[in-house]
Amino acid sequence: MKDLANAQSKVSISFDGWTLPAQRGYVAICAHFINSKGLQKVILLAVRRLRGRHTSENYASIVGDVLAEYGLDTAEQTR
């Protein structure tokens, strides 16, 4: 995650959820940024089990936890 720590841009986040045929839900969270060499990067931060319904509250809880793990949980990062 050295590239992420040295990002030369703000970090954008994307996520997607899906359900397997066995009725198990998952969500994947990715980070998009420009690295120290000026290259666009996309990295997978996490794939987590989504328990319960696919509601905005459930997604927000999971995505928020992952962002906190990477120190990306504030709207404005200081440099």
PDB file of N, CA and C in Angstrom:
ATOM      1  N   MET A   1       0.802  -1.189   0.000  1.00  0.00           N
ATOM      2  CA  MET A   1       0.000   0.000   0.000  1.00  0.00           C
ATOM      3  C   MET A   1       0.854   1.266   0.000  1.00  0.00           C
ATOM      4  N   LYS A   2       2.124   1.089  -0.316  1.00  0.00           N
ATOM      5  CA  LYS A   2       3.031   2.232  -0.377  1.00  0.00           C
ATOM      6  C   LYS A   2       2.542   3.262  -1.381  1.00  0.00           C
ATOM      7  N   ASP A   3       2.033   2.796  -2.537  1.00  0.00           N
ATOM      8  CA  ASP A   3       1.507   3.718  -3.538  1.00  0.00           C
ATOM      9  C   ASP A   3       0.391   4.572  -2.966  1.00  0.00           C
ATOM     10  N   LEU A   4      -0.502   3.975  -2.220  1.00  0.00           N
ATOM     11  CA  LEU A   4      -1.632   4.707  -1.646  1.00  0.00           C
ATOM     12  C   LEU A   4      -1.146   5.749  -0.645  1.00  0.00           C
ATOM     13  N   ALA A   5      -0.189   5.395   0.167  1.00  0.00           N
ATOM     14  CA  ALA A   5       0.344   6.325   1.164  1.00  0.00           C
ATOM     15  C   ALA A   5       1.030   7.523   0.513  1.00  0.00           C
ATOM     16  N   ASN A   6       1.564   7.330  -0.697  1.00  0.00           N
ATOM     17  CA  ASN A   6       2.279   8.400  -1.402  1.00  0.00           C
ATOM     18  C   ASN A   6       1.477   8.968  -2.562  1.00  0.00           C
ATOM     19  N   ALA A   7       0.160   8.839  -2.519  1.00  0.00           N
ATOM     20  CA  ALA A   7      -0.697   9.326  -3.607  1.00  0.00           C
ATOM     21  C   ALA A   7      -0.463  10.813  -3.846  1.00  0.00           C
ATOM     22  N   GLN A   8      -0.391  11.186  -5.119  1.00  0.00           N
ATOM     23  CA  GLN A   8      -0.188  12.578  -5.512  1.00  0.00           C
ATOM     24  C   GLN A   8      -1.507  13.273  -5.842  1.00  0.00           C
ATOM     25  N   SER A   9      -2.598  12.608  -5.578  1.00  0.00           N
ATOM     26  CA  SER A   9      -3.923  13.156  -5.838  1.00  0.00           C
ATOM     27  C   SER A   9      -4.824  12.789  -4.669  1.00  0.00           C
ATOM     28  N   LYS A  10      -6.027  13.335  -4.701  1.00  0.00           N
ATOM     29  CA  LYS A  10      -7.020  12.872  -3.745  1.00  0.00           C
ATOM     30  C   LYS A  10      -7.371  11.439  -4.121  1.00  0.00           C
ATOM     31  N   VAL A  11      -7.826  10.680  -3.160  1.00  0.00           N
ATOM     32  CA  VAL A  11      -8.186   9.282  -3.385  1.00  0.00           C
ATOM     33  C   VAL A  11      -9.699   9.192  -3.561  1.00  0.00           C
ATOM     34  N   SER A  12     -10.113   8.610  -4.678  1.00  0.00           N
ATOM     35  CA  SER A  12     -11.533   8.369  -4.926  1.00  0.00           C
ATOM     36  C   SER A  12     -11.841   6.914  -4.601  1.00  0.00           C
ATOM     37  N   ILE A  13     -13.052   6.685  -4.143  1.00  0.00           N
ATOM     38  CA  ILE A  13     -13.459   5.353  -3.722  1.00  0.00           C
ATOM     39  C   ILE A  13     -14.622   4.876  -4.582  1.00  0.00           C
ATOM     40  N   SER A  14     -14.576   3.603  -4.957  1.00  0.00           N
ATOM     41  CA  SER A  14     -15.724   2.971  -5.613  1.00  0.00           C
ATOM     42  C   SER A  14     -16.005   1.656  -4.896  1.00  0.00           C
ATOM     43  N   PHE A  15     -17.259   1.238  -4.962  1.00  0.00           N
ATOM     44  CA  PHE A  15     -17.606  -0.049  -4.360  1.00  0.00           C
ATOM     45  C   PHE A  15     -18.759  -0.666  -5.129  1.00  0.00           C
ATOM     46  N   ASP A  16     -18.871  -1.976  -5.025  1.00  0.00           N
ATOM     47  CA  ASP A  16     -19.935  -2.702  -5.701  1.00  0.00           C
ATOM     48  C   ASP A  16     -20.338  -3.875  -4.825  1.00  0.00           C
ATOM     49  N   GLY A  17     -21.616  -4.164  -4.825  1.00  0.00           N
ATOM     50  CA  GLY A  17     -22.122  -5.282  -4.052  1.00  0.00           C
ATOM     51  C   GLY A  17     -22.794  -6.299  -4.950  1.00  0.00           C
ATOM     52  N   TRP A  18     -22.783  -7.540  -4.515  1.00  0.00           N
ATOM     53  CA  TRP A  18     -23.444  -8.602  -5.269  1.00  0.00           C
ATOM     54  C   TRP A  18     -23.824  -9.720  -4.310  1.00  0.00           C
ATOM     55  N   THR A  19     -24.697 -10.591  -4.785  1.00  0.00           N
ATOM     56  CA  THR A  19     -25.137 -11.741  -4.010  1.00  0.00           C
ATOM     57  C   THR A  19     -24.850 -13.010  -4.793  1.00  0.00           C
ATOM     58  N   LEU A  20     -24.227 -13.975  -4.139  1.00  0.00           N
ATOM     59  CA  LEU A  20     -23.977 -15.270  -4.749  1.00  0.00           C
ATOM     60  C   LEU A  20     -25.263 -16.090  -4.767  1.00  0.00           C
ATOM     61  N   PRO A  21     -25.325 -17.107  -5.618  1.00  0.00           N
ATOM     62  CA  PRO A  21     -26.520 -17.958  -5.652  1.00  0.00           C
ATOM     63  C   PRO A  21     -26.885 -18.554  -4.284  1.00  0.00           C
ATOM     64  N   ALA A  22     -25.908 -18.721  -3.421  1.00  0.00           N
ATOM     65  CA  ALA A  22     -26.162 -19.258  -2.079  1.00  0.00           C
ATOM     66  C   ALA A  22     -26.704 -18.185  -1.132  1.00  0.00           C
ATOM     67  N   GLN A  23     -27.107 -17.028  -1.691  1.00  0.00           N
ATOM     68  CA  GLN A  23     -27.690 -15.925  -0.924  1.00  0.00           C
ATOM     69  C   GLN A  23     -26.712 -15.268   0.047  1.00  0.00           C
ATOM     70  N   ARG A  24     -25.443 -15.291  -0.294  1.00  0.00           N
ATOM     71  CA  ARG A  24     -24.441 -14.586   0.503  1.00  0.00           C
ATOM     72  C   ARG A  24     -24.068 -13.296  -0.224  1.00  0.00           C
ATOM     73  N   GLY A  25     -24.169 -12.169   0.482  1.00  0.00           N
ATOM     74  CA  GLY A  25     -23.846 -10.879  -0.110  1.00  0.00           C
ATOM     75  C   GLY A  25     -22.421 -10.464   0.184  1.00  0.00           C
ATOM     76  N   TYR A  26     -21.820  -9.760  -0.766  1.00  0.00           N
ATOM     77  CA  TYR A  26     -20.458  -9.247  -0.617  1.00  0.00           C
ATOM     78  C   TYR A  26     -20.380  -7.837  -1.160  1.00  0.00           C
ATOM     79  N   VAL A  27     -19.377  -7.093  -0.694  1.00  0.00           N
ATOM     80  CA  VAL A  27     -19.091  -5.766  -1.223  1.00  0.00           C
ATOM     81  C   VAL A  27     -17.577  -5.653  -1.394  1.00  0.00           C
ATOM     82  N   ALA A  28     -17.166  -5.113  -2.558  1.00  0.00           N
ATOM     83  CA  ALA A  28     -15.751  -4.870  -2.837  1.00  0.00           C
ATOM     84  C   ALA A  28     -15.530  -3.357  -2.847  1.00  0.00           C
ATOM     85  N   ILE A  29     -14.423  -2.913  -2.240  1.00  0.00           N
ATOM     86  CA  ILE A  29     -14.108  -1.491  -2.146  1.00  0.00           C
ATOM     87  C   ILE A  29     -12.752  -1.259  -2.799  1.00  0.00           C
ATOM     88  N   CYS A  30     -12.703  -0.289  -3.736  1.00  0.00           N
ATOM     89  CA  CYS A  30     -11.472   0.033  -4.467  1.00  0.00           C
ATOM     90  C   CYS A  30     -11.095   1.490  -4.254  1.00  0.00           C
ATOM     91  N   ALA A  31      -9.802   1.775  -4.335  1.00  0.00           N
ATOM     92  CA  ALA A  31      -9.281   3.139  -4.274  1.00  0.00           C
ATOM     93  C   ALA A  31      -8.680   3.490  -5.631  1.00  0.00           C
ATOM     94  N   HIS A  32      -8.928   4.713  -6.092  1.00  0.00           N
ATOM     95  CA  HIS A  32      -8.432   5.219  -7.376  1.00  0.00           C
ATOM     96  C   HIS A  32      -7.619   6.483  -7.083  1.00  0.00           C
ATOM     97  N   PHE A  33      -6.410   6.568  -7.626  1.00  0.00           N
ATOM     98  CA  PHE A  33      -5.549   7.718  -7.336  1.00  0.00           C
ATOM     99  C   PHE A  33      -4.403   7.786  -8.333  1.00  0.00           C
ATOM    100  N   ILE A  34      -3.640   8.863  -8.268  1.00  0.00           N
ATOM    101  CA  ILE A  34      -2.419   9.037  -9.054  1.00  0.00           C
ATOM    102  C   ILE A  34      -1.243   8.782  -8.114  1.00  0.00           C
ATOM    103  N   ASN A  35      -0.348   7.874  -8.525  1.00  0.00           N
ATOM    104  CA  ASN A  35       0.770   7.539  -7.642  1.00  0.00           C
ATOM    105  C   ASN A  35       1.919   8.538  -7.796  1.00  0.00           C
ATOM    106  N   SER A  36       3.010   8.296  -7.084  1.00  0.00           N
ATOM    107  CA  SER A  36       4.143   9.227  -7.064  1.00  0.00           C
ATOM    108  C   SER A  36       4.850   9.332  -8.409  1.00  0.00           C
ATOM    109  N   LYS A  37       4.605   8.384  -9.323  1.00  0.00           N
ATOM    110  CA  LYS A  37       5.192   8.434 -10.658  1.00  0.00           C
ATOM    111  C   LYS A  37       4.240   9.049 -11.675  1.00  0.00           C
ATOM    112  N   GLY A  38       3.090   9.526 -11.198  1.00  0.00           N
ATOM    113  CA  GLY A  38       2.121  10.152 -12.086  1.00  0.00           C
ATOM    114  C   GLY A  38       1.225   9.173 -12.827  1.00  0.00           C
ATOM    115  N   LEU A  39       1.206   7.924 -12.384  1.00  0.00           N
ATOM    116  CA  LEU A  39       0.402   6.897 -13.036  1.00  0.00           C
ATOM    117  C   LEU A  39      -0.923   6.689 -12.304  1.00  0.00           C
ATOM    118  N   GLN A  40      -1.975   6.496 -13.078  1.00  0.00           N
ATOM    119  CA  GLN A  40      -3.277   6.204 -12.490  1.00  0.00           C
ATOM    120  C   GLN A  40      -3.266   4.789 -11.924  1.00  0.00           C
ATOM    121  N   LYS A  41      -3.701   4.648 -10.691  1.00  0.00           N
ATOM    122  CA  LYS A  41      -3.717   3.347 -10.026  1.00  0.00           C
ATOM    123  C   LYS A  41      -5.109   3.053  -9.491  1.00  0.00           C
ATOM    124  N   VAL A  42      -5.461   1.784  -9.489  1.00  0.00           N
ATOM    125  CA  VAL A  42      -6.683   1.281  -8.864  1.00  0.00           C
ATOM    126  C   VAL A  42      -6.266   0.078  -8.032  1.00  0.00           C
ATOM    127  N   ILE A  43      -6.584   0.124  -6.749  1.00  0.00           N
ATOM    128  CA  ILE A  43      -6.248  -1.009  -5.888  1.00  0.00           C
ATOM    129  C   ILE A  43      -7.503  -1.479  -5.140  1.00  0.00           C
ATOM    130  N   LEU A  44      -7.571  -2.767  -4.936  1.00  0.00           N
ATOM    131  CA  LEU A  44      -8.651  -3.363  -4.171  1.00  0.00           C
ATOM    132  C   LEU A  44      -8.303  -3.238  -2.692  1.00  0.00           C
ATOM    133  N   LEU A  45      -9.132  -2.513  -1.950  1.00  0.00           N
ATOM    134  CA  LEU A  45      -8.896  -2.356  -0.522  1.00  0.00           C
ATOM    135  C   LEU A  45      -9.437  -3.538   0.274  1.00  0.00           C
ATOM    136  N   ALA A  46     -10.614  -4.027  -0.117  1.00  0.00           N
ATOM    137  CA  ALA A  46     -11.225  -5.111   0.654  1.00  0.00           C
ATOM    138  C   ALA A  46     -12.396  -5.719  -0.092  1.00  0.00           C
ATOM    139  N   VAL A  47     -12.667  -6.970   0.237  1.00  0.00           N
ATOM    140  CA  VAL A  47     -13.921  -7.642  -0.126  1.00  0.00           C
ATOM    141  C   VAL A  47     -14.486  -8.128   1.199  1.00  0.00           C
ATOM    142  N   ARG A  48     -15.661  -7.654   1.532  1.00  0.00           N
ATOM    143  CA  ARG A  48     -16.269  -7.981   2.817  1.00  0.00           C
ATOM    144  C   ARG A  48     -17.645  -8.613   2.636  1.00  0.00           C
ATOM    145  N   ARG A  49     -18.001  -9.448   3.562  1.00  0.00           N
ATOM    146  CA  ARG A  49     -19.327 -10.066   3.578  1.00  0.00           C
ATOM    147  C   ARG A  49     -20.352  -9.010   3.954  1.00  0.00           C
ATOM    148  N   LEU A  50     -21.441  -8.945   3.216  1.00  0.00           N
ATOM    149  CA  LEU A  50     -22.540  -8.028   3.496  1.00  0.00           C
ATOM    150  C   LEU A  50     -23.669  -8.841   4.116  1.00  0.00           C
ATOM    151  N   ARG A  51     -23.848  -8.678   5.400  1.00  0.00           N
ATOM    152  CA  ARG A  51     -24.882  -9.434   6.108  1.00  0.00           C
ATOM    153  C   ARG A  51     -26.165  -8.611   6.142  1.00  0.00           C
ATOM    154  N   GLY A  52     -27.267  -9.279   5.919  1.00  0.00           N
ATOM    155  CA  GLY A  52     -28.544  -8.575   5.921  1.00  0.00           C
ATOM    156  C   GLY A  52     -28.855  -7.998   4.548  1.00  0.00           C
ATOM    157  N   ARG A  53     -29.745  -7.037   4.542  1.00  0.00           N
ATOM    158  CA  ARG A  53     -30.214  -6.443   3.292  1.00  0.00           C
ATOM    159  C   ARG A  53     -29.171  -5.496   2.686  1.00  0.00           C
ATOM    160  N   HIS A  54     -29.285  -5.287   1.393  1.00  0.00           N
ATOM    161  CA  HIS A  54     -28.381  -4.384   0.675  1.00  0.00           C
ATOM    162  C   HIS A  54     -28.894  -2.946   0.815  1.00  0.00           C
ATOM    163  N   THR A  55     -28.821  -2.420   2.021  1.00  0.00           N
ATOM    164  CA  THR A  55     -29.307  -1.062   2.282  1.00  0.00           C
ATOM    165  C   THR A  55     -28.128  -0.092   2.318  1.00  0.00           C
ATOM    166  N   SER A  56     -28.437   1.184   2.175  1.00  0.00           N
ATOM    167  CA  SER A  56     -27.380   2.198   2.224  1.00  0.00           C
ATOM    168  C   SER A  56     -26.695   2.193   3.592  1.00  0.00           C
ATOM    169  N   GLU A  57     -27.436   1.924   4.648  1.00  0.00           N
ATOM    170  CA  GLU A  57     -26.845   1.882   5.984  1.00  0.00           C
ATOM    171  C   GLU A  57     -25.834   0.741   6.110  1.00  0.00           C
ATOM    172  N   ASN A  58     -26.163  -0.427   5.580  1.00  0.00           N
ATOM    173  CA  ASN A  58     -25.238  -1.557   5.644  1.00  0.00           C
ATOM    174  C   ASN A  58     -23.992  -1.307   4.808  1.00  0.00           C
ATOM    175  N   TYR A  59     -24.174  -0.746   3.597  1.00  0.00           N
ATOM    176  CA  TYR A  59     -23.014  -0.408   2.773  1.00  0.00           C
ATOM    177  C   TYR A  59     -22.149   0.641   3.470  1.00  0.00           C
ATOM    178  N   ALA A  60     -22.783   1.676   4.014  1.00  0.00           N
ATOM    179  CA  ALA A  60     -22.031   2.755   4.665  1.00  0.00           C
ATOM    180  C   ALA A  60     -21.207   2.229   5.834  1.00  0.00           C
ATOM    181  N   SER A  61     -21.759   1.307   6.589  1.00  0.00           N
ATOM    182  CA  SER A  61     -21.035   0.745   7.724  1.00  0.00           C
ATOM    183  C   SER A  61     -19.780   0.000   7.269  1.00  0.00           C
ATOM    184  N   ILE A  62     -19.931  -0.840   6.266  1.00  0.00           N
ATOM    185  CA  ILE A  62     -18.792  -1.626   5.776  1.00  0.00           C
ATOM    186  C   ILE A  62     -17.747  -0.729   5.116  1.00  0.00           C
ATOM    187  N   VAL A  63     -18.179   0.136   4.214  1.00  0.00           N
ATOM    188  CA  VAL A  63     -17.241   1.023   3.520  1.00  0.00           C
ATOM    189  C   VAL A  63     -16.545   1.935   4.524  1.00  0.00           C
ATOM    190  N   GLY A  64     -17.291   2.470   5.479  1.00  0.00           N
ATOM    191  CA  GLY A  64     -16.688   3.328   6.499  1.00  0.00           C
ATOM    192  C   GLY A  64     -15.626   2.613   7.311  1.00  0.00           C
ATOM    193  N   ASP A  65     -15.891   1.368   7.676  1.00  0.00           N
ATOM    194  CA  ASP A  65     -14.897   0.589   8.434  1.00  0.00           C
ATOM    195  C   ASP A  65     -13.620   0.388   7.623  1.00  0.00           C
ATOM    196  N   VAL A  66     -13.763   0.053   6.347  1.00  0.00           N
ATOM    197  CA  VAL A  66     -12.586  -0.168   5.498  1.00  0.00           C
ATOM    198  C   VAL A  66     -11.809   1.134   5.319  1.00  0.00           C
ATOM    199  N   LEU A  67     -12.498   2.232   5.083  1.00  0.00           N
ATOM    200  CA  LEU A  67     -11.804   3.516   4.928  1.00  0.00           C
ATOM    201  C   LEU A  67     -11.049   3.883   6.198  1.00  0.00           C
ATOM    202  N   ALA A  68     -11.640   3.611   7.351  1.00  0.00           N
ATOM    203  CA  ALA A  68     -10.956   3.891   8.621  1.00  0.00           C
ATOM    204  C   ALA A  68      -9.691   3.049   8.759  1.00  0.00           C
ATOM    205  N   GLU A  69      -9.738   1.799   8.314  1.00  0.00           N
ATOM    206  CA  GLU A  69      -8.561   0.929   8.392  1.00  0.00           C
ATOM    207  C   GLU A  69      -7.388   1.495   7.596  1.00  0.00           C
ATOM    208  N   TYR A  70      -7.684   2.200   6.505  1.00  0.00           N
ATOM    209  CA  TYR A  70      -6.639   2.769   5.661  1.00  0.00           C
ATOM    210  C   TYR A  70      -6.394   4.246   5.943  1.00  0.00           C
ATOM    211  N   GLY A  71      -7.039   4.811   6.945  1.00  0.00           N
ATOM    212  CA  GLY A  71      -6.858   6.220   7.278  1.00  0.00           C
ATOM    213  C   GLY A  71      -7.491   7.145   6.254  1.00  0.00           C
ATOM    214  N   LEU A  72      -8.510   6.675   5.551  1.00  0.00           N
ATOM    215  CA  LEU A  72      -9.169   7.465   4.517  1.00  0.00           C
ATOM    216  C   LEU A  72     -10.569   7.890   4.950  1.00  0.00           C
ATOM    217  N   ASP A  73     -10.808   7.954   6.232  1.00  0.00           N
ATOM    218  CA  ASP A  73     -12.162   8.177   6.728  1.00  0.00           C
ATOM    219  C   ASP A  73     -12.503   9.632   7.014  1.00  0.00           C
ATOM    220  N   THR A  74     -11.693  10.573   6.565  1.00  0.00           N
ATOM    221  CA  THR A  74     -12.030  11.986   6.733  1.00  0.00           C
ATOM    222  C   THR A  74     -12.255  12.614   5.372  1.00  0.00           C
ATOM    223  N   ALA A  75     -13.140  13.586   5.327  1.00  0.00           N
ATOM    224  CA  ALA A  75     -13.476  14.248   4.054  1.00  0.00           C
ATOM    225  C   ALA A  75     -12.294  15.051   3.538  1.00  0.00           C
ATOM    226  N   GLU A  76     -11.563  15.692   4.402  1.00  0.00           N
ATOM    227  CA  GLU A  76     -10.419  16.497   4.000  1.00  0.00           C
ATOM    228  C   GLU A  76      -9.153  15.946   4.637  1.00  0.00           C
ATOM    229  N   GLN A  77      -8.238  15.510   3.840  1.00  0.00           N
ATOM    230  CA  GLN A  77      -6.954  15.029   4.341  1.00  0.00           C
ATOM    231  C   GLN A  77      -5.954  16.180   4.305  1.00  0.00           C
ATOM    232  N   THR A  78      -5.153  16.310   5.338  1.00  0.00           N
ATOM    233  CA  THR A  78      -4.118  17.339   5.351  1.00  0.00           C
ATOM    234  C   THR A  78      -2.810  16.723   4.898  1.00  0.00           C
ATOM    235  N   ARG A  79      -2.009  17.515   4.264  1.00  0.00           N
ATOM    236  CA  ARG A  79      -0.701  17.035   3.780  1.00  0.00           C
ATOM    237  C   ARG A  79       0.403  17.829   4.420  1.00  0.00           C
TER     238      ARG A  79
END
